[in-house]
Amino acid sequence: FSYPGLFAITVSRIAHQLWEAGVPLIPRIMTEYAHSITGIDIHPGAH
């Protein structure tokens, strides 16, 4: 319900899957949204 770290990791794992599939724009929109909410900046390309 409440841990920002888990939310950021969840979004990162979703975005990474799309990043690996070669989807443009959307993965960065996702992770930057999580960044704006949590203060945690994870690039979708990170493994």
ModelCIF file with pLDDT and N, C-alpha, C, O atoms, coordinates in Angstrom:
data_MODEL
#
_entry.id   MODEL 
#
_entity.id                         1 
_entity.type                       polymer 
_entity.pdbx_number_of_molecules   1 
#
_entity_poly.entity_id                      1 
_entity_poly.type                           'polypeptide(L)' 
_entity_poly.nstd_linkage                   no 
_entity_poly.nstd_monomer                   no 
_entity_poly.pdbx_seq_one_letter_code       FSYPGLFAITVSRIAHQLWEAGVPLIPRIMTEYAHSITGIDIHPGAH 
_entity_poly.pdbx_seq_one_letter_code_can   FSYPGLFAITVSRIAHQLWEAGVPLIPRIMTEYAHSITGIDIHPGAH 
_entity_poly.pdbx_strand_id                 A 
#
loop_
_entity_poly_seq.entity_id 
_entity_poly_seq.num 
_entity_poly_seq.mon_id 
_entity_poly_seq.hetero 
1 1  PHE n 
1 2  SER n 
1 3  TYR n 
1 4  PRO n 
1 5  GLY n 
1 6  LEU n 
1 7  PHE n 
1 8  ALA n 
1 9  ILE n 
1 10 THR n 
1 11 VAL n 
1 12 SER n 
1 13 ARG n 
1 14 ILE n 
1 15 ALA n 
1 16 HIS n 
1 17 GLN n 
1 18 LEU n 
1 19 TRP n 
1 20 GLU n 
1 21 ALA n 
1 22 GLY n 
1 23 VAL n 
1 24 PRO n 
1 25 LEU n 
1 26 ILE n 
1 27 PRO n 
1 28 ARG n 
1 29 ILE n 
1 30 MET n 
1 31 THR n 
1 32 GLU n 
1 33 TYR n 
1 34 ALA n 
1 35 HIS n 
1 36 SER n 
1 37 ILE n 
1 38 THR n 
1 39 GLY n 
1 40 ILE n 
1 41 ASP n 
1 42 ILE n 
1 43 HIS n 
1 44 PRO n 
1 45 GLY n 
1 46 ALA n 
1 47 HIS n 
#
_struct_asym.id          A 
_struct_asym.entity_id   1 
#
loop_
_ma_qa_metric.id 
_ma_qa_metric.mode 
_ma_qa_metric.name 
_ma_qa_metric.software_group_id 
_ma_qa_metric.type 
1 global pLDDT . pLDDT 
2 local  pLDDT . pLDDT 
#
_ma_qa_metric_global.metric_id      1 
_ma_qa_metric_global.metric_value   97.32 
_ma_qa_metric_global.model_id       1 
_ma_qa_metric_global.ordinal_id     1 
#
loop_
_ma_qa_metric_local.label_asym_id 
_ma_qa_metric_local.label_comp_id 
_ma_qa_metric_local.label_seq_id 
_ma_qa_metric_local.metric_id 
_ma_qa_metric_local.metric_value 
_ma_qa_metric_local.model_id 
_ma_qa_metric_local.ordinal_id 
A PHE 1  2 96.00 1 1  
A SER 2  2 96.00 1 2  
A TYR 3  2 97.00 1 3  
A PRO 4  2 97.00 1 4  
A GLY 5  2 97.00 1 5  
A LEU 6  2 98.00 1 6  
A PHE 7  2 98.00 1 7  
A ALA 8  2 98.00 1 8  
A ILE 9  2 98.00 1 9  
A THR 10 2 98.00 1 10 
A VAL 11 2 98.00 1 11 
A SER 12 2 98.00 1 12 
A ARG 13 2 98.00 1 13 
A ILE 14 2 98.00 1 14 
A ALA 15 2 98.00 1 15 
A HIS 16 2 98.00 1 16 
A GLN 17 2 97.00 1 17 
A LEU 18 2 98.00 1 18 
A TRP 19 2 98.00 1 19 
A GLU 20 2 97.00 1 20 
A ALA 21 2 96.00 1 21 
A GLY 22 2 94.00 1 22 
A VAL 23 2 96.00 1 23 
A PRO 24 2 94.00 1 24 
A LEU 25 2 95.00 1 25 
A ILE 26 2 97.00 1 26 
A PRO 27 2 98.00 1 27 
A ARG 28 2 97.00 1 28 
A ILE 29 2 97.00 1 29 
A MET 30 2 98.00 1 30 
A THR 31 2 98.00 1 31 
A GLU 32 2 98.00 1 32 
A TYR 33 2 98.00 1 33 
A ALA 34 2 98.00 1 34 
A HIS 35 2 98.00 1 35 
A SER 36 2 97.00 1 36 
A ILE 37 2 97.00 1 37 
A THR 38 2 97.00 1 38 
A GLY 39 2 97.00 1 39 
A ILE 40 2 98.00 1 40 
A ASP 41 2 98.00 1 41 
A ILE 42 2 98.00 1 42 
A HIS 43 2 98.00 1 43 
A PRO 44 2 98.00 1 44 
A GLY 45 2 97.00 1 45 
A ALA 46 2 98.00 1 46 
A HIS 47 2 98.00 1 47 
#
loop_
_atom_site.group_PDB 
_atom_site.id 
_atom_site.type_symbol 
_atom_site.label_atom_id 
_atom_site.label_alt_id 
_atom_site.label_comp_id 
_atom_site.label_asym_id 
_atom_site.label_entity_id 
_atom_site.label_seq_id 
_atom_site.pdbx_PDB_ins_code 
_atom_site.Cartn_x 
_atom_site.Cartn_y 
_atom_site.Cartn_z 
_atom_site.occupancy 
_atom_site.B_iso_or_equiv 
_atom_site.pdbx_formal_charge 
_atom_site.auth_seq_id 
_atom_site.auth_comp_id 
_atom_site.auth_asym_id 
_atom_site.auth_atom_id 
_atom_site.pdbx_PDB_model_num 
ATOM 1   N N  . PHE A 1 1  ? 0.812  -1.221 0.000   1.00 96.00 ? 1  PHE A N  1 
ATOM 2   C CA . PHE A 1 1  ? 0.000  0.000  0.000   1.00 96.00 ? 1  PHE A CA 1 
ATOM 3   C C  . PHE A 1 1  ? 0.844  1.269  0.000   1.00 96.00 ? 1  PHE A C  1 
ATOM 4   O O  . PHE A 1 1  ? 0.479  2.246  -0.654  1.00 96.00 ? 1  PHE A O  1 
ATOM 5   N N  . SER A 1 2  ? 1.965  1.274  0.720   1.00 96.00 ? 2  SER A N  1 
ATOM 6   C CA . SER A 1 2  ? 2.547  2.566  1.071   1.00 96.00 ? 2  SER A CA 1 
ATOM 7   C C  . SER A 1 2  ? 4.027  2.763  0.777   1.00 96.00 ? 2  SER A C  1 
ATOM 8   O O  . SER A 1 2  ? 4.494  3.897  0.878   1.00 96.00 ? 2  SER A O  1 
ATOM 9   N N  . TYR A 1 3  ? 4.793  1.744  0.424   1.00 97.00 ? 3  TYR A N  1 
ATOM 10  C CA . TYR A 1 3  ? 6.232  1.930  0.261   1.00 97.00 ? 3  TYR A CA 1 
ATOM 11  C C  . TYR A 1 3  ? 6.558  2.508  -1.118  1.00 97.00 ? 3  TYR A C  1 
ATOM 12  O O  . TYR A 1 3  ? 6.263  1.876  -2.133  1.00 97.00 ? 3  TYR A O  1 
ATOM 13  N N  . PRO A 1 4  ? 7.158  3.694  -1.170  1.00 97.00 ? 4  PRO A N  1 
ATOM 14  C CA . PRO A 1 4  ? 7.494  4.282  -2.472  1.00 97.00 ? 4  PRO A CA 1 
ATOM 15  C C  . PRO A 1 4  ? 8.501  3.449  -3.249  1.00 97.00 ? 4  PRO A C  1 
ATOM 16  O O  . PRO A 1 4  ? 8.461  3.399  -4.478  1.00 97.00 ? 4  PRO A O  1 
ATOM 17  N N  . GLY A 1 5  ? 9.415  2.788  -2.515  1.00 97.00 ? 5  GLY A N  1 
ATOM 18  C CA . GLY A 1 5  ? 10.399 1.952  -3.196  1.00 97.00 ? 5  GLY A CA 1 
ATOM 19  C C  . GLY A 1 5  ? 9.745  0.843  -3.994  1.00 97.00 ? 5  GLY A C  1 
ATOM 20  O O  . GLY A 1 5  ? 10.158 0.560  -5.119  1.00 97.00 ? 5  GLY A O  1 
ATOM 21  N N  . LEU A 1 6  ? 8.726  0.210  -3.426  1.00 98.00 ? 6  LEU A N  1 
ATOM 22  C CA . LEU A 1 6  ? 8.057  -0.871 -4.145  1.00 98.00 ? 6  LEU A CA 1 
ATOM 23  C C  . LEU A 1 6  ? 7.319  -0.336 -5.368  1.00 98.00 ? 6  LEU A C  1 
ATOM 24  O O  . LEU A 1 6  ? 7.332  -0.965 -6.426  1.00 98.00 ? 6  LEU A O  1 
ATOM 25  N N  . PHE A 1 7  ? 6.675  0.823  -5.229  1.00 98.00 ? 7  PHE A N  1 
ATOM 26  C CA . PHE A 1 7  ? 5.981  1.396  -6.385  1.00 98.00 ? 7  PHE A CA 1 
ATOM 27  C C  . PHE A 1 7  ? 6.976  1.694  -7.506  1.00 98.00 ? 7  PHE A C  1 
ATOM 28  O O  . PHE A 1 7  ? 6.714  1.383  -8.668  1.00 98.00 ? 7  PHE A O  1 
ATOM 29  N N  . ALA A 1 8  ? 8.122  2.296  -7.160  1.00 98.00 ? 8  ALA A N  1 
ATOM 30  C CA . ALA A 1 8  ? 9.126  2.613  -8.173  1.00 98.00 ? 8  ALA A CA 1 
ATOM 31  C C  . ALA A 1 8  ? 9.666  1.345  -8.834  1.00 98.00 ? 8  ALA A C  1 
ATOM 32  O O  . ALA A 1 8  ? 9.866  1.317  -10.048 1.00 98.00 ? 8  ALA A O  1 
ATOM 33  N N  . ILE A 1 9  ? 9.902  0.300  -8.045  1.00 98.00 ? 9  ILE A N  1 
ATOM 34  C CA . ILE A 1 9  ? 10.396 -0.960 -8.598  1.00 98.00 ? 9  ILE A CA 1 
ATOM 35  C C  . ILE A 1 9  ? 9.349  -1.601 -9.495  1.00 98.00 ? 9  ILE A C  1 
ATOM 36  O O  . ILE A 1 9  ? 9.679  -2.133 -10.554 1.00 98.00 ? 9  ILE A O  1 
ATOM 37  N N  . THR A 1 10 ? 8.088  -1.554 -9.077  1.00 98.00 ? 10 THR A N  1 
ATOM 38  C CA . THR A 1 10 ? 7.009  -2.124 -9.884  1.00 98.00 ? 10 THR A CA 1 
ATOM 39  C C  . THR A 1 10 ? 6.947  -1.455 -11.245 1.00 98.00 ? 10 THR A C  1 
ATOM 40  O O  . THR A 1 10 ? 6.910  -2.128 -12.275 1.00 98.00 ? 10 THR A O  1 
ATOM 41  N N  . VAL A 1 11 ? 6.936  -0.139 -11.245 1.00 98.00 ? 11 VAL A N  1 
ATOM 42  C CA . VAL A 1 11 ? 6.883  0.597  -12.516 1.00 98.00 ? 11 VAL A CA 1 
ATOM 43  C C  . VAL A 1 11 ? 8.132  0.312  -13.340 1.00 98.00 ? 11 VAL A C  1 
ATOM 44  O O  . VAL A 1 11 ? 8.053  0.160  -14.559 1.00 98.00 ? 11 VAL A O  1 
ATOM 45  N N  . SER A 1 12 ? 9.288  0.240  -12.676 1.00 98.00 ? 12 SER A N  1 
ATOM 46  C CA . SER A 1 12 ? 10.533 -0.044 -13.391 1.00 98.00 ? 12 SER A CA 1 
ATOM 47  C C  . SER A 1 12 ? 10.479 -1.402 -14.085 1.00 98.00 ? 12 SER A C  1 
ATOM 48  O O  . SER A 1 12 ? 10.916 -1.532 -15.229 1.00 98.00 ? 12 SER A O  1 
ATOM 49  N N  . ARG A 1 13 ? 9.949  -2.405 -13.407 1.00 98.00 ? 13 ARG A N  1 
ATOM 50  C CA . ARG A 1 13 ? 9.899  -3.741 -14.010 1.00 98.00 ? 13 ARG A CA 1 
ATOM 51  C C  . ARG A 1 13 ? 8.926  -3.759 -15.198 1.00 98.00 ? 13 ARG A C  1 
ATOM 52  O O  . ARG A 1 13 ? 9.190  -4.410 -16.210 1.00 98.00 ? 13 ARG A O  1 
ATOM 53  N N  . ILE A 1 14 ? 7.816  -3.051 -15.072 1.00 98.00 ? 14 ILE A N  1 
ATOM 54  C CA . ILE A 1 14 ? 6.873  -2.934 -16.194 1.00 98.00 ? 14 ILE A CA 1 
ATOM 55  C C  . ILE A 1 14 ? 7.556  -2.240 -17.371 1.00 98.00 ? 14 ILE A C  1 
ATOM 56  O O  . ILE A 1 14 ? 7.531  -2.734 -18.498 1.00 98.00 ? 14 ILE A O  1 
ATOM 57  N N  . ALA A 1 15 ? 8.166  -1.091 -17.092 1.00 98.00 ? 15 ALA A N  1 
ATOM 58  C CA . ALA A 1 15 ? 8.779  -0.290 -18.150 1.00 98.00 ? 15 ALA A CA 1 
ATOM 59  C C  . ALA A 1 15 ? 9.953  -1.023 -18.800 1.00 98.00 ? 15 ALA A C  1 
ATOM 60  O O  . ALA A 1 15 ? 10.162 -0.921 -20.009 1.00 98.00 ? 15 ALA A O  1 
ATOM 61  N N  . HIS A 1 16 ? 10.719 -1.763 -17.991 1.00 98.00 ? 16 HIS A N  1 
ATOM 62  C CA . HIS A 1 16 ? 11.865 -2.489 -18.542 1.00 98.00 ? 16 HIS A CA 1 
ATOM 63  C C  . HIS A 1 16 ? 11.416 -3.534 -19.553 1.00 98.00 ? 16 HIS A C  1 
ATOM 64  O O  . HIS A 1 16 ? 12.066 -3.736 -20.579 1.00 98.00 ? 16 HIS A O  1 
ATOM 65  N N  . GLN A 1 17 ? 10.305 -4.194 -19.259 1.00 97.00 ? 17 GLN A N  1 
ATOM 66  C CA . GLN A 1 17 ? 9.784  -5.194 -20.185 1.00 97.00 ? 17 GLN A CA 1 
ATOM 67  C C  . GLN A 1 17 ? 9.444  -4.564 -21.532 1.00 97.00 ? 17 GLN A C  1 
ATOM 68  O O  . GLN A 1 17 ? 9.730  -5.138 -22.583 1.00 97.00 ? 17 GLN A O  1 
ATOM 69  N N  . LEU A 1 18 ? 8.832  -3.378 -21.495 1.00 98.00 ? 18 LEU A N  1 
ATOM 70  C CA . LEU A 1 18 ? 8.486  -2.673 -22.734 1.00 98.00 ? 18 LEU A CA 1 
ATOM 71  C C  . LEU A 1 18 ? 9.744  -2.132 -23.418 1.00 98.00 ? 18 LEU A C  1 
ATOM 72  O O  . LEU A 1 18 ? 9.831  -2.125 -24.646 1.00 98.00 ? 18 LEU A O  1 
ATOM 73  N N  . TRP A 1 19 ? 10.714 -1.683 -22.624 1.00 98.00 ? 19 TRP A N  1 
ATOM 74  C CA . TRP A 1 19 ? 11.986 -1.192 -23.160 1.00 98.00 ? 19 TRP A CA 1 
ATOM 75  C C  . TRP A 1 19 ? 12.687 -2.303 -23.938 1.00 98.00 ? 19 TRP A C  1 
ATOM 76  O O  . TRP A 1 19 ? 13.174 -2.083 -25.047 1.00 98.00 ? 19 TRP A O  1 
ATOM 77  N N  . GLU A 1 20 ? 12.734 -3.488 -23.352 1.00 97.00 ? 20 GLU A N  1 
ATOM 78  C CA . GLU A 1 20 ? 13.380 -4.621 -24.003 1.00 97.00 ? 20 GLU A CA 1 
ATOM 79  C C  . GLU A 1 20 ? 12.666 -5.008 -25.290 1.00 97.00 ? 20 GLU A C  1 
ATOM 80  O O  . GLU A 1 20 ? 13.284 -5.550 -26.207 1.00 97.00 ? 20 GLU A O  1 
ATOM 81  N N  . ALA A 1 21 ? 11.363 -4.733 -25.362 1.00 96.00 ? 21 ALA A N  1 
ATOM 82  C CA . ALA A 1 21 ? 10.585 -5.031 -26.566 1.00 96.00 ? 21 ALA A CA 1 
ATOM 83  C C  . ALA A 1 21 ? 10.740 -3.958 -27.638 1.00 96.00 ? 21 ALA A C  1 
ATOM 84  O O  . ALA A 1 21 ? 10.161 -4.073 -28.718 1.00 96.00 ? 21 ALA A O  1 
ATOM 85  N N  . GLY A 1 22 ? 11.513 -2.921 -27.348 1.00 94.00 ? 22 GLY A N  1 
ATOM 86  C CA . GLY A 1 22 ? 11.753 -1.886 -28.340 1.00 94.00 ? 22 GLY A CA 1 
ATOM 87  C C  . GLY A 1 22 ? 10.655 -0.849 -28.457 1.00 94.00 ? 22 GLY A C  1 
ATOM 88  O O  . GLY A 1 22 ? 10.558 -0.167 -29.477 1.00 94.00 ? 22 GLY A O  1 
ATOM 89  N N  . VAL A 1 23 ? 9.823  -0.717 -27.430 1.00 96.00 ? 23 VAL A N  1 
ATOM 90  C CA . VAL A 1 23 ? 8.745  0.272  -27.462 1.00 96.00 ? 23 VAL A CA 1 
ATOM 91  C C  . VAL A 1 23 ? 9.324  1.651  -27.152 1.00 96.00 ? 23 VAL A C  1 
ATOM 92  O O  . VAL A 1 23 ? 9.939  1.826  -26.100 1.00 96.00 ? 23 VAL A O  1 
ATOM 93  N N  . PRO A 1 24 ? 9.146  2.634  -28.035 1.00 94.00 ? 24 PRO A N  1 
ATOM 94  C CA . PRO A 1 24 ? 9.669  3.978  -27.754 1.00 94.00 ? 24 PRO A CA 1 
ATOM 95  C C  . PRO A 1 24 ? 8.753  4.764  -26.821 1.00 94.00 ? 24 PRO A C  1 
ATOM 96  O O  . PRO A 1 24 ? 7.577  4.430  -26.674 1.00 94.00 ? 24 PRO A O  1 
ATOM 97  N N  . LEU A 1 25 ? 9.282  5.791  -26.201 1.00 95.00 ? 25 LEU A N  1 
ATOM 98  C CA . LEU A 1 25 ? 8.565  6.800  -25.420 1.00 95.00 ? 25 LEU A CA 1 
ATOM 99  C C  . LEU A 1 25 ? 7.881  6.276  -24.158 1.00 95.00 ? 25 LEU A C  1 
ATOM 100 O O  . LEU A 1 25 ? 8.094  6.816  -23.073 1.00 95.00 ? 25 LEU A O  1 
ATOM 101 N N  . ILE A 1 26 ? 7.076  5.248  -24.287 1.00 97.00 ? 26 ILE A N  1 
ATOM 102 C CA . ILE A 1 26 ? 6.218  4.810  -23.181 1.00 97.00 ? 26 ILE A CA 1 
ATOM 103 C C  . ILE A 1 26 ? 7.007  4.399  -21.944 1.00 97.00 ? 26 ILE A C  1 
ATOM 104 O O  . ILE A 1 26 ? 6.627  4.802  -20.844 1.00 97.00 ? 26 ILE A O  1 
ATOM 105 N N  . PRO A 1 27 ? 8.099  3.607  -22.057 1.00 98.00 ? 27 PRO A N  1 
ATOM 106 C CA . PRO A 1 27 ? 8.840  3.249  -20.846 1.00 98.00 ? 27 PRO A CA 1 
ATOM 107 C C  . PRO A 1 27 ? 9.360  4.452  -20.083 1.00 98.00 ? 27 PRO A C  1 
ATOM 108 O O  . PRO A 1 27 ? 9.334  4.462  -18.852 1.00 98.00 ? 27 PRO A O  1 
ATOM 109 N N  . ARG A 1 28 ? 9.838  5.478  -20.801 1.00 97.00 ? 28 ARG A N  1 
ATOM 110 C CA . ARG A 1 28 ? 10.350 6.667  -20.106 1.00 97.00 ? 28 ARG A CA 1 
ATOM 111 C C  . ARG A 1 28 ? 9.216  7.469  -19.469 1.00 97.00 ? 28 ARG A C  1 
ATOM 112 O O  . ARG A 1 28 ? 9.383  8.020  -18.381 1.00 97.00 ? 28 ARG A O  1 
ATOM 113 N N  . ILE A 1 29 ? 8.074  7.537  -20.134 1.00 97.00 ? 29 ILE A N  1 
ATOM 114 C CA . ILE A 1 29 ? 6.919  8.206  -19.523 1.00 97.00 ? 29 ILE A CA 1 
ATOM 115 C C  . ILE A 1 29 ? 6.584  7.520  -18.202 1.00 97.00 ? 29 ILE A C  1 
ATOM 116 O O  . ILE A 1 29 ? 6.303  8.185  -17.205 1.00 97.00 ? 29 ILE A O  1 
ATOM 117 N N  . MET A 1 30 ? 6.614  6.194  -18.199 1.00 98.00 ? 30 MET A N  1 
ATOM 118 C CA . MET A 1 30 ? 6.274  5.425  -16.997 1.00 98.00 ? 30 MET A CA 1 
ATOM 119 C C  . MET A 1 30 ? 7.241  5.685  -15.855 1.00 98.00 ? 30 MET A C  1 
ATOM 120 O O  . MET A 1 30 ? 6.824  6.005  -14.742 1.00 98.00 ? 30 MET A O  1 
ATOM 121 N N  . THR A 1 31 ? 8.554  5.547  -16.135 1.00 98.00 ? 31 THR A N  1 
ATOM 122 C CA . THR A 1 31 ? 9.518  5.674  -15.046 1.00 98.00 ? 31 THR A CA 1 
ATOM 123 C C  . THR A 1 31 ? 9.642  7.113  -14.554 1.00 98.00 ? 31 THR A C  1 
ATOM 124 O O  . THR A 1 31 ? 9.898  7.344  -13.372 1.00 98.00 ? 31 THR A O  1 
ATOM 125 N N  . GLU A 1 32 ? 9.462  8.083  -15.452 1.00 98.00 ? 32 GLU A N  1 
ATOM 126 C CA . GLU A 1 32 ? 9.518  9.472  -14.996 1.00 98.00 ? 32 GLU A CA 1 
ATOM 127 C C  . GLU A 1 32 ? 8.268  9.836  -14.185 1.00 98.00 ? 32 GLU A C  1 
ATOM 128 O O  . GLU A 1 32 ? 8.328  10.704 -13.314 1.00 98.00 ? 32 GLU A O  1 
ATOM 129 N N  . TYR A 1 33 ? 7.155  9.188  -14.462 1.00 98.00 ? 33 TYR A N  1 
ATOM 130 C CA . TYR A 1 33 ? 5.977  9.372  -13.608 1.00 98.00 ? 33 TYR A CA 1 
ATOM 131 C C  . TYR A 1 33 ? 6.267  8.838  -12.204 1.00 98.00 ? 33 TYR A C  1 
ATOM 132 O O  . TYR A 1 33 ? 5.983  9.505  -11.209 1.00 98.00 ? 33 TYR A O  1 
ATOM 133 N N  . ALA A 1 34 ? 6.832  7.632  -12.131 1.00 98.00 ? 34 ALA A N  1 
ATOM 134 C CA . ALA A 1 34 ? 7.195  7.071  -10.825 1.00 98.00 ? 34 ALA A CA 1 
ATOM 135 C C  . ALA A 1 34 ? 8.215  7.964  -10.123 1.00 98.00 ? 34 ALA A C  1 
ATOM 136 O O  . ALA A 1 34 ? 8.146  8.159  -8.909  1.00 98.00 ? 34 ALA A O  1 
ATOM 137 N N  . HIS A 1 35 ? 9.155  8.500  -10.884 1.00 98.00 ? 35 HIS A N  1 
ATOM 138 C CA . HIS A 1 35 ? 10.160 9.422  -10.325 1.00 98.00 ? 35 HIS A CA 1 
ATOM 139 C C  . HIS A 1 35 ? 9.478  10.638 -9.707  1.00 98.00 ? 35 HIS A C  1 
ATOM 140 O O  . HIS A 1 35 ? 9.833  11.065 -8.608  1.00 98.00 ? 35 HIS A O  1 
ATOM 141 N N  . SER A 1 36 ? 8.499  11.193 -10.416 1.00 97.00 ? 36 SER A N  1 
ATOM 142 C CA . SER A 1 36 ? 7.814  12.391 -9.908  1.00 97.00 ? 36 SER A CA 1 
ATOM 143 C C  . SER A 1 36 ? 7.018  12.102 -8.644  1.00 97.00 ? 36 SER A C  1 
ATOM 144 O O  . SER A 1 36 ? 6.828  12.989 -7.812  1.00 97.00 ? 36 SER A O  1 
ATOM 145 N N  . ILE A 1 37 ? 6.554  10.868 -8.495  1.00 97.00 ? 37 ILE A N  1 
ATOM 146 C CA . ILE A 1 37 ? 5.745  10.484 -7.331  1.00 97.00 ? 37 ILE A CA 1 
ATOM 147 C C  . ILE A 1 37 ? 6.627  10.110 -6.138  1.00 97.00 ? 37 ILE A C  1 
ATOM 148 O O  . ILE A 1 37 ? 6.301  10.441 -4.998  1.00 97.00 ? 37 ILE A O  1 
ATOM 149 N N  . THR A 1 38 ? 7.736  9.423  -6.397  1.00 97.00 ? 38 THR A N  1 
ATOM 150 C CA . THR A 1 38 ? 8.519  8.817  -5.317  1.00 97.00 ? 38 THR A CA 1 
ATOM 151 C C  . THR A 1 38 ? 9.866  9.484  -5.057  1.00 97.00 ? 38 THR A C  1 
ATOM 152 O O  . THR A 1 38 ? 10.439 9.303  -3.983  1.00 97.00 ? 38 THR A O  1 
ATOM 153 N N  . GLY A 1 39 ? 10.383 10.252 -6.017  1.00 97.00 ? 39 GLY A N  1 
ATOM 154 C CA . GLY A 1 39 ? 11.739 10.773 -5.891  1.00 97.00 ? 39 GLY A CA 1 
ATOM 155 C C  . GLY A 1 39 ? 12.800 9.744  -6.229  1.00 97.00 ? 39 GLY A C  1 
ATOM 156 O O  . GLY A 1 39 ? 13.985 9.986  -6.001  1.00 97.00 ? 39 GLY A O  1 
ATOM 157 N N  . ILE A 1 40 ? 12.397 8.594  -6.772  1.00 98.00 ? 40 ILE A N  1 
ATOM 158 C CA . ILE A 1 40 ? 13.319 7.516  -7.142  1.00 98.00 ? 40 ILE A CA 1 
ATOM 159 C C  . ILE A 1 40 ? 13.402 7.469  -8.664  1.00 98.00 ? 40 ILE A C  1 
ATOM 160 O O  . ILE A 1 40 ? 12.385 7.294  -9.335  1.00 98.00 ? 40 ILE A O  1 
ATOM 161 N N  . ASP A 1 41 ? 14.596 7.623  -9.208  1.00 98.00 ? 41 ASP A N  1 
ATOM 162 C CA . ASP A 1 41 ? 14.798 7.739  -10.652 1.00 98.00 ? 41 ASP A CA 1 
ATOM 163 C C  . ASP A 1 41 ? 15.474 6.473  -11.166 1.00 98.00 ? 41 ASP A C  1 
ATOM 164 O O  . ASP A 1 41 ? 16.687 6.313  -11.026 1.00 98.00 ? 41 ASP A O  1 
ATOM 165 N N  . ILE A 1 42 ? 14.690 5.574  -11.760 1.00 98.00 ? 42 ILE A N  1 
ATOM 166 C CA . ILE A 1 42 ? 15.227 4.328  -12.325 1.00 98.00 ? 42 ILE A CA 1 
ATOM 167 C C  . ILE A 1 42 ? 14.999 4.355  -13.825 1.00 98.00 ? 42 ILE A C  1 
ATOM 168 O O  . ILE A 1 42 ? 13.856 4.412  -14.279 1.00 98.00 ? 42 ILE A O  1 
ATOM 169 N N  . HIS A 1 43 ? 16.068 4.315  -14.594 1.00 98.00 ? 43 HIS A N  1 
ATOM 170 C CA . HIS A 1 43 ? 15.919 4.274  -16.049 1.00 98.00 ? 43 HIS A CA 1 
ATOM 171 C C  . HIS A 1 43 ? 15.355 2.918  -16.454 1.00 98.00 ? 43 HIS A C  1 
ATOM 172 O O  . HIS A 1 43 ? 15.760 1.899  -15.893 1.00 98.00 ? 43 HIS A O  1 
ATOM 173 N N  . PRO A 1 44 ? 14.426 2.875  -17.419 1.00 98.00 ? 44 PRO A N  1 
ATOM 174 C CA . PRO A 1 44 ? 13.825 1.579  -17.793 1.00 98.00 ? 44 PRO A CA 1 
ATOM 175 C C  . PRO A 1 44 ? 14.809 0.602  -18.417 1.00 98.00 ? 44 PRO A C  1 
ATOM 176 O O  . PRO A 1 44 ? 14.517 -0.590 -18.514 1.00 98.00 ? 44 PRO A O  1 
ATOM 177 N N  . GLY A 1 45 ? 15.978 1.092  -18.845 1.00 97.00 ? 45 GLY A N  1 
ATOM 178 C CA . GLY A 1 45 ? 16.967 0.182  -19.409 1.00 97.00 ? 45 GLY A CA 1 
ATOM 179 C C  . GLY A 1 45 ? 17.750 -0.599 -18.373 1.00 97.00 ? 45 GLY A C  1 
ATOM 180 O O  . GLY A 1 45 ? 18.413 -1.577 -18.718 1.00 97.00 ? 45 GLY A O  1 
ATOM 181 N N  . ALA A 1 46 ? 17.691 -0.196 -17.115 1.00 98.00 ? 46 ALA A N  1 
ATOM 182 C CA . ALA A 1 46 ? 18.465 -0.872 -16.064 1.00 98.00 ? 46 ALA A CA 1 
ATOM 183 C C  . ALA A 1 46 ? 17.975 -2.309 -15.863 1.00 98.00 ? 46 ALA A C  1 
ATOM 184 O O  . ALA A 1 46 ? 16.771 -2.563 -15.843 1.00 98.00 ? 46 ALA A O  1 
ATOM 185 N N  . HIS A 1 47 ? 18.915 -3.242 -15.713 1.00 98.00 ? 47 HIS A N  1 
ATOM 186 C CA . HIS A 1 47 ? 18.593 -4.655 -15.450 1.00 98.00 ? 47 HIS A CA 1 
ATOM 187 C C  . HIS A 1 47 ? 18.654 -4.886 -13.944 1.00 98.00 ? 47 HIS A C  1 
ATOM 188 O O  . HIS A 1 47 ? 18.419 -6.002 -13.481 1.00 98.00 ? 47 HIS A O  1 
#
